[in-house]
C-alpha atoms as a PDB file:
ATOM      1  CA  UNK A   1     -42.022   2.369   3.526  1.00  0.00           C
ATOM      2  CA  UNK A   2     -42.440  -0.604   1.203  1.00  0.00           C
ATOM      3  CA  UNK A   3     -42.180  -4.367   1.076  1.00  0.00           C
ATOM      4  CA  UNK A   4     -39.775  -6.678  -0.757  1.00  0.00           C
ATOM      5  CA  UNK A   5     -40.842 -10.261  -0.174  1.00  0.00           C
ATOM      6  CA  UNK A   6     -40.346 -10.768   3.588  1.00  0.00           C
ATOM      7  CA  UNK A   7     -38.314  -7.560   4.079  1.00  0.00           C
ATOM      8  CA  UNK A   8     -39.551  -4.131   5.072  1.00  0.00           C
ATOM      9  CA  UNK A   9     -37.833  -1.469   2.940  1.00  0.00           C
ATOM     10  CA  UNK A  10     -37.191   1.812   4.763  1.00  0.00           C
ATOM     11  CA  UNK A  11     -34.960   4.814   3.956  1.00  0.00           C
ATOM     12  CA  UNK A  12     -32.092   5.787   6.239  1.00  0.00           C
ATOM     13  CA  UNK A  13     -32.064   9.585   6.600  1.00  0.00           C
ATOM     14  CA  UNK A  14     -29.361  11.785   8.101  1.00  0.00           C
ATOM     15  CA  UNK A  15     -31.506  14.942   7.892  1.00  0.00           C
ATOM     16  CA  UNK A  16     -35.265  15.544   7.624  1.00  0.00           C
ATOM     17  CA  UNK A  17     -35.009  17.043   4.104  1.00  0.00           C
ATOM     18  CA  UNK A  18     -32.931  14.255   2.525  1.00  0.00           C
ATOM     19  CA  UNK A  19     -34.302  13.207  -0.875  1.00  0.00           C
ATOM     20  CA  UNK A  20     -31.621  10.661  -1.822  1.00  0.00           C
ATOM     21  CA  UNK A  21     -30.584   8.308   0.968  1.00  0.00           C
ATOM     22  CA  UNK A  22     -29.558   4.665   1.522  1.00  0.00           C
ATOM     23  CA  UNK A  23     -32.218   1.962   1.692  1.00  0.00           C
ATOM     24  CA  UNK A  24     -32.278  -0.545   4.575  1.00  0.00           C
ATOM     25  CA  UNK A  25     -33.975  -3.953   4.442  1.00  0.00           C
ATOM     26  CA  UNK A  26     -35.191  -5.356   7.780  1.00  0.00           C
ATOM     27  CA  UNK A  27     -37.198  -8.331   9.005  1.00  0.00           C
ATOM     28  CA  UNK A  28     -37.490 -10.632  11.974  1.00  0.00           C
ATOM     29  CA  UNK A  29     -34.467 -12.923  12.189  1.00  0.00           C
ATOM     30  CA  UNK A  30     -35.253 -16.631  12.194  1.00  0.00           C
ATOM     31  CA  UNK A  31     -33.105 -19.635  11.303  1.00  0.00           C
ATOM     32  CA  UNK A  32     -33.518 -23.375  11.679  1.00  0.00           C
ATOM     33  CA  UNK A  33     -30.512 -23.687  14.002  1.00  0.00           C
ATOM     34  CA  UNK A  34     -30.794 -22.072  17.405  1.00  0.00           C
ATOM     35  CA  UNK A  35     -28.350 -19.286  18.211  1.00  0.00           C
ATOM     36  CA  UNK A  36     -28.120 -18.163  21.854  1.00  0.00           C
ATOM     37  CA  UNK A  37     -26.823 -14.733  20.788  1.00  0.00           C
ATOM     38  CA  UNK A  38     -29.798 -14.202  18.449  1.00  0.00           C
ATOM     39  CA  UNK A  39     -32.872 -15.656  20.196  1.00  0.00           C
ATOM     40  CA  UNK A  40     -35.863 -16.456  18.033  1.00  0.00           C
ATOM     41  CA  UNK A  41     -38.764 -14.008  18.312  1.00  0.00           C
ATOM     42  CA  UNK A  42     -36.643 -11.195  19.758  1.00  0.00           C
ATOM     43  CA  UNK A  43     -34.042 -10.504  17.030  1.00  0.00           C
ATOM     44  CA  UNK A  44     -34.314  -8.054  14.163  1.00  0.00           C
ATOM     45  CA  UNK A  45     -31.968  -8.257  11.148  1.00  0.00           C
ATOM     46  CA  UNK A  46     -31.075  -5.188   9.069  1.00  0.00           C
ATOM     47  CA  UNK A  47     -29.309  -5.347   5.680  1.00  0.00           C
ATOM     48  CA  UNK A  48     -27.348  -2.636   3.814  1.00  0.00           C
ATOM     49  CA  UNK A  49     -26.320  -0.675   6.899  1.00  0.00           C
ATOM     50  CA  UNK A  50     -23.910   2.171   5.852  1.00  0.00           C
ATOM     51  CA  UNK A  51     -20.336   2.139   7.230  1.00  0.00           C
ATOM     52  CA  UNK A  52     -20.819   5.260   9.370  1.00  0.00           C
ATOM     53  CA  UNK A  53     -23.720   3.754  11.391  1.00  0.00           C
ATOM     54  CA  UNK A  54     -22.514   2.458  14.781  1.00  0.00           C
ATOM     55  CA  UNK A  55     -24.078   0.524  17.646  1.00  0.00           C
ATOM     56  CA  UNK A  56     -25.046   3.653  19.596  1.00  0.00           C
ATOM     57  CA  UNK A  57     -26.890   5.106  16.584  1.00  0.00           C
ATOM     58  CA  UNK A  58     -29.086   2.026  16.153  1.00  0.00           C
ATOM     59  CA  UNK A  59     -29.855   1.923  19.865  1.00  0.00           C
ATOM     60  CA  UNK A  60     -31.072   5.540  19.749  1.00  0.00           C
ATOM     61  CA  UNK A  61     -33.265   4.865  16.715  1.00  0.00           C
ATOM     62  CA  UNK A  62     -34.849   1.573  17.875  1.00  0.00           C
ATOM     63  CA  UNK A  63     -35.015   2.197  21.631  1.00  0.00           C
ATOM     64  CA  UNK A  64     -38.586   3.643  21.357  1.00  0.00           C
ATOM     65  CA  UNK A  65     -39.711   0.202  20.147  1.00  0.00           C
ATOM     66  CA  UNK A  66     -38.481  -1.421  23.364  1.00  0.00           C
ATOM     67  CA  UNK A  67     -35.465  -2.112  25.528  1.00  0.00           C
ATOM     68  CA  UNK A  68     -32.509  -3.384  23.509  1.00  0.00           C
ATOM     69  CA  UNK A  69     -30.406  -6.196  24.871  1.00  0.00           C
ATOM     70  CA  UNK A  70     -27.576  -6.193  22.280  1.00  0.00           C
ATOM     71  CA  UNK A  71     -26.564  -4.920  18.828  1.00  0.00           C
ATOM     72  CA  UNK A  72     -24.160  -6.985  16.704  1.00  0.00           C
ATOM     73  CA  UNK A  73     -22.683  -6.539  13.213  1.00  0.00           C
ATOM     74  CA  UNK A  74     -21.599  -8.995  10.513  1.00  0.00           C
ATOM     75  CA  UNK A  75     -20.096  -8.948   7.026  1.00  0.00           C
ATOM     76  CA  UNK A  76     -23.104 -10.800   5.564  1.00  0.00           C
ATOM     77  CA  UNK A  77     -26.086 -12.825   6.811  1.00  0.00           C
ATOM     78  CA  UNK A  78     -25.285 -16.311   8.020  1.00  0.00           C
ATOM     79  CA  UNK A  79     -23.990 -18.296  10.936  1.00  0.00           C
ATOM     80  CA  UNK A  80     -20.740 -17.159  12.621  1.00  0.00           C
ATOM     81  CA  UNK A  81     -20.314 -14.156  10.284  1.00  0.00           C
ATOM     82  CA  UNK A  82     -20.593 -11.793  13.237  1.00  0.00           C
ATOM     83  CA  UNK A  83     -17.696 -13.674  14.908  1.00  0.00           C
ATOM     84  CA  UNK A  84     -15.531 -12.967  11.849  1.00  0.00           C
ATOM     85  CA  UNK A  85     -16.571  -9.321  12.020  1.00  0.00           C
ATOM     86  CA  UNK A  86     -15.435  -8.827  15.616  1.00  0.00           C
ATOM     87  CA  UNK A  87     -12.202 -10.716  14.987  1.00  0.00           C
ATOM     88  CA  UNK A  88     -11.388  -8.320  12.133  1.00  0.00           C
ATOM     89  CA  UNK A  89     -12.287  -5.351  14.351  1.00  0.00           C
ATOM     90  CA  UNK A  90      -9.263  -6.099  16.550  1.00  0.00           C
ATOM     91  CA  UNK A  91      -7.199  -4.355  13.885  1.00  0.00           C
ATOM     92  CA  UNK A  92      -6.404  -0.600  14.317  1.00  0.00           C
ATOM     93  CA  UNK A  93      -8.855   0.404  11.560  1.00  0.00           C
ATOM     94  CA  UNK A  94     -12.399  -0.954  11.342  1.00  0.00           C
ATOM     95  CA  UNK A  95     -13.631  -2.248   7.954  1.00  0.00           C
ATOM     96  CA  UNK A  96     -15.354   0.685   6.207  1.00  0.00           C
ATOM     97  CA  UNK A  97     -18.027  -1.304   4.324  1.00  0.00           C
ATOM     98  CA  UNK A  98     -21.784  -1.768   4.212  1.00  0.00           C
ATOM     99  CA  UNK A  99     -22.741  -4.366   6.818  1.00  0.00           C
ATOM    100  CA  UNK A 100     -25.479  -6.429   8.442  1.00  0.00           C
ATOM    101  CA  UNK A 101     -26.865  -5.562  11.879  1.00  0.00           C
ATOM    102  CA  UNK A 102     -28.671  -7.753  14.428  1.00  0.00           C
ATOM    103  CA  UNK A 103     -30.771  -6.007  17.104  1.00  0.00           C
ATOM    104  CA  UNK A 104     -31.814  -8.188  20.058  1.00  0.00           C
ATOM    105  CA  UNK A 105     -34.761  -6.833  22.073  1.00  0.00           C
ATOM    106  CA  UNK A 106     -35.649  -7.840  25.616  1.00  0.00           C
ATOM    107  CA  UNK A 107     -39.331  -8.455  24.718  1.00  0.00           C
ATOM    108  CA  UNK A 108     -40.873 -10.159  21.683  1.00  0.00           C
ATOM    109  CA  UNK A 109     -43.529  -7.472  21.075  1.00  0.00           C
ATOM    110  CA  UNK A 110     -40.763  -4.948  20.246  1.00  0.00           C
ATOM    111  CA  UNK A 111     -40.190  -6.617  16.862  1.00  0.00           C
ATOM    112  CA  UNK A 112     -43.554  -5.501  15.423  1.00  0.00           C
ATOM    113  CA  UNK A 113     -43.035  -1.957  16.732  1.00  0.00           C
ATOM    114  CA  UNK A 114     -39.606  -1.785  15.083  1.00  0.00           C
ATOM    115  CA  UNK A 115     -40.947  -3.127  11.772  1.00  0.00           C
ATOM    116  CA  UNK A 116     -43.651  -0.452  11.773  1.00  0.00           C
ATOM    117  CA  UNK A 117     -41.065   2.340  11.452  1.00  0.00           C
ATOM    118  CA  UNK A 118     -41.466   4.286   8.206  1.00  0.00           C
ATOM    119  CA  UNK A 119     -37.816   5.415   8.176  1.00  0.00           C
ATOM    120  CA  UNK A 120     -34.593   5.176  10.150  1.00  0.00           C
ATOM    121  CA  UNK A 121     -33.871   8.760  11.183  1.00  0.00           C
ATOM    122  CA  UNK A 122     -30.326   9.522  12.325  1.00  0.00           C
ATOM    123  CA  UNK A 123     -31.062  13.085  13.444  1.00  0.00           C
ATOM    124  CA  UNK A 124     -32.460  14.718  16.567  1.00  0.00           C
ATOM    125  CA  UNK A 125     -35.511  16.925  17.019  1.00  0.00           C
ATOM    126  CA  UNK A 126     -33.631  20.021  15.813  1.00  0.00           C
ATOM    127  CA  UNK A 127     -32.658  18.273  12.572  1.00  0.00           C
ATOM    128  CA  UNK A 128     -28.969  17.785  13.407  1.00  0.00           C
ATOM    129  CA  UNK A 129     -27.371  14.480  12.359  1.00  0.00           C
ATOM    130  CA  UNK A 130     -26.361  12.258  15.279  1.00  0.00           C
ATOM    131  CA  UNK A 131     -23.609  10.482  13.307  1.00  0.00           C
ATOM    132  CA  UNK A 132     -20.536  11.812  11.532  1.00  0.00           C
ATOM    133  CA  UNK A 133     -20.526  11.465   7.745  1.00  0.00           C
ATOM    134  CA  UNK A 134     -18.729  12.897   4.744  1.00  0.00           C
ATOM    135  CA  UNK A 135     -15.754  15.199   5.270  1.00  0.00           C
ATOM    136  CA  UNK A 136     -16.344  15.333   9.027  1.00  0.00           C
ATOM    137  CA  UNK A 137     -15.940  11.545   9.276  1.00  0.00           C
ATOM    138  CA  UNK A 138     -12.856  11.533   6.994  1.00  0.00           C
ATOM    139  CA  UNK A 139     -11.260  14.304   9.053  1.00  0.00           C
ATOM    140  CA  UNK A 140     -11.860  12.426  12.306  1.00  0.00           C
ATOM    141  CA  UNK A 141     -10.366   9.194  10.895  1.00  0.00           C
ATOM    142  CA  UNK A 142      -7.335  11.118   9.636  1.00  0.00           C
ATOM    143  CA  UNK A 143      -6.839  12.736  13.036  1.00  0.00           C
ATOM    144  CA  UNK A 144      -7.048   9.365  14.807  1.00  0.00           C
ATOM    145  CA  UNK A 145      -5.053   7.159  12.437  1.00  0.00           C
ATOM    146  CA  UNK A 146      -2.500   9.346  10.657  1.00  0.00           C
ATOM    147  CA  UNK A 147      -1.939  12.728  12.313  1.00  0.00           C
ATOM    148  CA  UNK A 148       0.580  12.585  15.181  1.00  0.00           C
ATOM    149  CA  UNK A 149       0.969  15.149  17.922  1.00  0.00           C
ATOM    150  CA  UNK A 150       4.302  17.027  17.905  1.00  0.00           C
ATOM    151  CA  UNK A 151       5.212  15.854  21.414  1.00  0.00           C
ATOM    152  CA  UNK A 152       4.477  12.200  20.643  1.00  0.00           C
ATOM    153  CA  UNK A 153       6.400  12.448  17.374  1.00  0.00           C
ATOM    154  CA  UNK A 154       9.392  13.966  19.182  1.00  0.00           C
ATOM    155  CA  UNK A 155       9.353  11.168  21.771  1.00  0.00           C
ATOM    156  CA  UNK A 156       9.179   8.455  19.076  1.00  0.00           C
ATOM    157  CA  UNK A 157      12.095  10.018  17.166  1.00  0.00           C
ATOM    158  CA  UNK A 158      14.176  10.265  20.355  1.00  0.00           C
ATOM    159  CA  UNK A 159      13.511   6.593  21.166  1.00  0.00           C
ATOM    160  CA  UNK A 160      14.475   5.525  17.648  1.00  0.00           C
ATOM    161  CA  UNK A 161      17.725   7.529  17.719  1.00  0.00           C
ATOM    162  CA  UNK A 162      18.617   6.204  21.186  1.00  0.00           C
ATOM    163  CA  UNK A 163      18.043   2.629  20.014  1.00  0.00           C
ATOM    164  CA  UNK A 164      20.225   3.175  16.953  1.00  0.00           C
ATOM    165  CA  UNK A 165      23.026   4.686  19.038  1.00  0.00           C
ATOM    166  CA  UNK A 166      22.882   1.709  21.387  1.00  0.00           C
ATOM    167  CA  UNK A 167      23.111  -0.712  18.463  1.00  0.00           C
ATOM    168  CA  UNK A 168      26.040   1.214  16.963  1.00  0.00           C
ATOM    169  CA  UNK A 169      27.963   1.121  20.254  1.00  0.00           C
ATOM    170  CA  UNK A 170      27.347  -2.620  20.531  1.00  0.00           C
ATOM    171  CA  UNK A 171      28.717  -3.156  17.008  1.00  0.00           C
ATOM    172  CA  UNK A 172      31.883  -1.194  17.811  1.00  0.00           C
ATOM    173  CA  UNK A 173      32.441  -3.137  21.027  1.00  0.00           C
ATOM    174  CA  UNK A 174      31.995  -6.456  19.242  1.00  0.00           C
ATOM    175  CA  UNK A 175      34.504  -5.346  16.574  1.00  0.00           C
ATOM    176  CA  UNK A 176      37.106  -4.572  19.249  1.00  0.00           C
ATOM    177  CA  UNK A 177      36.632  -7.807  21.128  1.00  0.00           C
ATOM    178  CA  UNK A 178      36.251 -10.095  18.098  1.00  0.00           C
ATOM    179  CA  UNK A 179      33.390 -12.030  19.688  1.00  0.00           C
ATOM    180  CA  UNK A 180      31.286 -14.431  17.671  1.00  0.00           C
ATOM    181  CA  UNK A 181      27.583 -13.579  17.510  1.00  0.00           C
ATOM    182  CA  UNK A 182      24.665 -16.033  17.760  1.00  0.00           C
ATOM    183  CA  UNK A 183      24.843 -16.847  14.027  1.00  0.00           C
ATOM    184  CA  UNK A 184      28.590 -17.514  14.070  1.00  0.00           C
ATOM    185  CA  UNK A 185      29.740 -14.249  12.461  1.00  0.00           C
ATOM    186  CA  UNK A 186      32.603 -12.033  13.645  1.00  0.00           C
ATOM    187  CA  UNK A 187      32.368  -8.273  13.141  1.00  0.00           C
ATOM    188  CA  UNK A 188      35.570  -6.818  11.623  1.00  0.00           C
ATOM    189  CA  UNK A 189      36.326  -3.134  12.209  1.00  0.00           C
ATOM    190  CA  UNK A 190      39.254  -0.678  12.047  1.00  0.00           C
ATOM    191  CA  UNK A 191      40.290  -1.326  15.644  1.00  0.00           C
ATOM    192  CA  UNK A 192      40.973  -4.338  17.821  1.00  0.00           C
ATOM    193  CA  UNK A 193      42.902  -7.570  17.486  1.00  0.00           C
ATOM    194  CA  UNK A 194      41.371  -8.567  14.119  1.00  0.00           C
ATOM    195  CA  UNK A 195      40.936  -5.095  12.691  1.00  0.00           C
ATOM    196  CA  UNK A 196      40.287  -4.801   8.993  1.00  0.00           C
ATOM    197  CA  UNK A 197      42.201  -2.532   6.615  1.00  0.00           C
ATOM    198  CA  UNK A 198      41.098   0.875   5.431  1.00  0.00           C
ATOM    199  CA  UNK A 199      40.757   1.134   1.703  1.00  0.00           C
ATOM    200  CA  UNK A 200      42.457   4.374   0.690  1.00  0.00           C
ATOM    201  CA  UNK A 201      42.234   5.922  -2.750  1.00  0.00           C
ATOM    202  CA  UNK A 202      45.638   4.639  -3.876  1.00  0.00           C
ATOM    203  CA  UNK A 203      44.795   1.098  -2.792  1.00  0.00           C
ATOM    204  CA  UNK A 204      41.484   1.188  -4.575  1.00  0.00           C
ATOM    205  CA  UNK A 205      43.274   2.400  -7.723  1.00  0.00           C
ATOM    206  CA  UNK A 206      45.770  -0.479  -7.653  1.00  0.00           C
ATOM    207  CA  UNK A 207      42.966  -2.971  -7.143  1.00  0.00           C
ATOM    208  CA  UNK A 208      41.106  -1.534 -10.107  1.00  0.00           C
ATOM    209  CA  UNK A 209      44.231  -1.889 -12.300  1.00  0.00           C
ATOM    210  CA  UNK A 210      44.586  -5.548 -11.376  1.00  0.00           C
ATOM    211  CA  UNK A 211      41.057  -6.298 -12.414  1.00  0.00           C
ATOM    212  CA  UNK A 212      40.901  -8.044 -15.803  1.00  0.00           C
ATOM    213  CA  UNK A 213      39.750  -5.757 -18.547  1.00  0.00           C
ATOM    214  CA  UNK A 214      36.428  -6.556 -20.011  1.00  0.00           C
ATOM    215  CA  UNK A 215      36.677  -8.162 -23.428  1.00  0.00           C
ATOM    216  CA  UNK A 216      34.986  -6.329 -26.221  1.00  0.00           C
ATOM    217  CA  UNK A 217      32.072  -8.076 -27.677  1.00  0.00           C
ATOM    218  CA  UNK A 218      32.920  -9.883 -30.903  1.00  0.00           C
ATOM    219  CA  UNK A 219      31.407  -8.498 -34.042  1.00  0.00           C
ATOM    220  CA  UNK A 220      31.016 -10.353 -37.308  1.00  0.00           C
ATOM    221  CA  UNK A 221      32.771  -8.543 -40.168  1.00  0.00           C
ATOM    222  CA  UNK A 222      32.122  -9.061 -43.904  1.00  0.00           C
ATOM    223  CA  UNK A 223      29.423 -11.525 -43.039  1.00  0.00           C
ATOM    224  CA  UNK A 224      26.300  -9.758 -44.200  1.00  0.00           C
ATOM    225  CA  UNK A 225      25.741  -8.567 -47.760  1.00  0.00           C
ATOM    226  CA  UNK A 226      25.621  -4.889 -46.820  1.00  0.00           C
ATOM    227  CA  UNK A 227      28.935  -5.278 -44.933  1.00  0.00           C
ATOM    228  CA  UNK A 228      30.649  -6.796 -48.003  1.00  0.00           C
ATOM    229  CA  UNK A 229      29.290  -4.023 -50.237  1.00  0.00           C
ATOM    230  CA  UNK A 230      30.442  -1.294 -47.855  1.00  0.00           C
ATOM    231  CA  UNK A 231      33.864  -2.916 -47.552  1.00  0.00           C
ATOM    232  CA  UNK A 232      34.367  -3.007 -51.347  1.00  0.00           C
ATOM    233  CA  UNK A 233      33.296   0.625 -51.681  1.00  0.00           C
ATOM    234  CA  UNK A 234      35.725   1.650 -48.959  1.00  0.00           C
ATOM    235  CA  UNK A 235      38.608  -0.183 -50.718  1.00  0.00           C
ATOM    236  CA  UNK A 236      37.840   1.557 -54.015  1.00  0.00           C
ATOM    237  CA  UNK A 237      37.851   4.948 -52.343  1.00  0.00           C
ATOM    238  CA  UNK A 238      41.169   4.264 -50.635  1.00  0.00           C
ATOM    239  CA  UNK A 239      42.793   3.059 -53.892  1.00  0.00           C
ATOM    240  CA  UNK A 240      41.537   6.129 -55.750  1.00  0.00           C
ATOM    241  CA  UNK A 241      42.886   8.392 -53.048  1.00  0.00           C
ATOM    242  CA  UNK A 242      46.311   6.670 -53.148  1.00  0.00           C
ATOM    243  CA  UNK A 243      46.383   6.920 -56.976  1.00  0.00           C
ATOM    244  CA  UNK A 244      45.762  10.671 -56.870  1.00  0.00           C
ATOM    245  CA  UNK A 245      48.489  11.147 -54.253  1.00  0.00           C
ATOM    246  CA  UNK A 246      51.016   9.163 -56.379  1.00  0.00           C
ATOM    247  CA  UNK A 247      50.091  11.136 -59.494  1.00  0.00           C
ATOM    248  CA  UNK A 248      50.669  14.404 -57.647  1.00  0.00           C
ATOM    249  CA  UNK A 249      54.096  13.220 -56.467  1.00  0.00           C
ATOM    250  CA  UNK A 250      55.147  12.277 -60.034  1.00  0.00           C
ATOM    251  CA  UNK A 251      54.158  15.715 -61.311  1.00  0.00           C
ATOM    252  CA  UNK A 252      56.270  17.343 -58.614  1.00  0.00           C
ATOM    253  CA  UNK A 253      59.255  15.192 -59.553  1.00  0.00           C
ATOM    254  CA  UNK A 254      58.909  16.126 -63.234  1.00  0.00           C
ATOM    255  CA  UNK A 255      58.808  19.809 -62.426  1.00  0.00           C
ATOM    256  CA  UNK A 256      61.885  19.679 -60.193  1.00  0.00           C
ATOM    257  CA  UNK A 257      64.032  17.663 -62.683  1.00  0.00           C
ATOM    258  CA  UNK A 258      66.589  19.592 -64.806  1.00  0.00           C
ATOM    259  CA  UNK A 259      67.510  18.512 -68.326  1.00  0.00           C
ATOM    260  CA  UNK A 260      71.337  18.210 -68.782  1.00  0.00           C
ATOM    261  CA  UNK A 261      72.254  16.617 -72.141  1.00  0.00           C
ATOM    262  CA  UNK A 262      76.056  17.094 -71.683  1.00  0.00           C
END
C-alpha cells in the first residue's frame, strides 16, 4: 500500500498470487456542498474501479470495516455524476468502463479501518475469485444479451409472421373496398371497383417501344490535332486502296480485249 497526495493506493487482486493487477485510489469523501446521499465523515470514495466490480463485491470486501449503508457508482468524481450513471443504467446493457465508487458506512470510525486495508481482495479463503472476469464474463454477457432460446425465438418468429399476415389481409380488403386511409391514399389492387391493370409481358414490351430512345452523346470530330492527323491518314489509305482496285480492273479489261484491225 502506498500514498499519492491524499489518496491511499492499493492493488485490486482477483487471486492471491496476482502480480499484475489494477490499482485503486481511495480516500475519505469530503466536499464543500453538503450531499445527503454522501454524508461527510462516513463516505469513502474509490477511483479506477474496474468494470467487472459490482456493488455486492465491494460490500463483501469492506464489510469487515463496518456496516455499509449504501454503495453508489459514477462516471467521474463530482456532483450529480452518480445520477447520470443510474440514468444510463436503465438501458439493457450497462456501461462497461472504469468507474468511481462511493461507499457510505453507518459509523464514522469505519473510514479509518477501510483506509488501513493493504489491498482489495476479490477472492475467498480458498483463493477462488468472487467476481466473473475475462472469458467467463464475456460468455455470460453473450448469453444474456445475444443468445436466444429456441422456444423464445420460435414464438417471436410466429408473432412476426402472424402480424405480417394480418397486415397483408388488411391491404387486400382496403384494395377491394377502395377506402381512403388516414393519409388520404387509396390502395389499388387487381380486384374491386377501382382495380388496377396487370402488366403482362406484351404490354411491357409495347411500353418499352414507346419510350424515346436515348440520344447518343455528341462527340467532337476533327477537332483535336490527333483526330485531324488520323483522318488524313485514313483518307490516304482509302485513296490508295481505290487506286489499286481501279488499276486491277484496267488490266483485266486489257487482257480480255481482242484486236480486230478489219
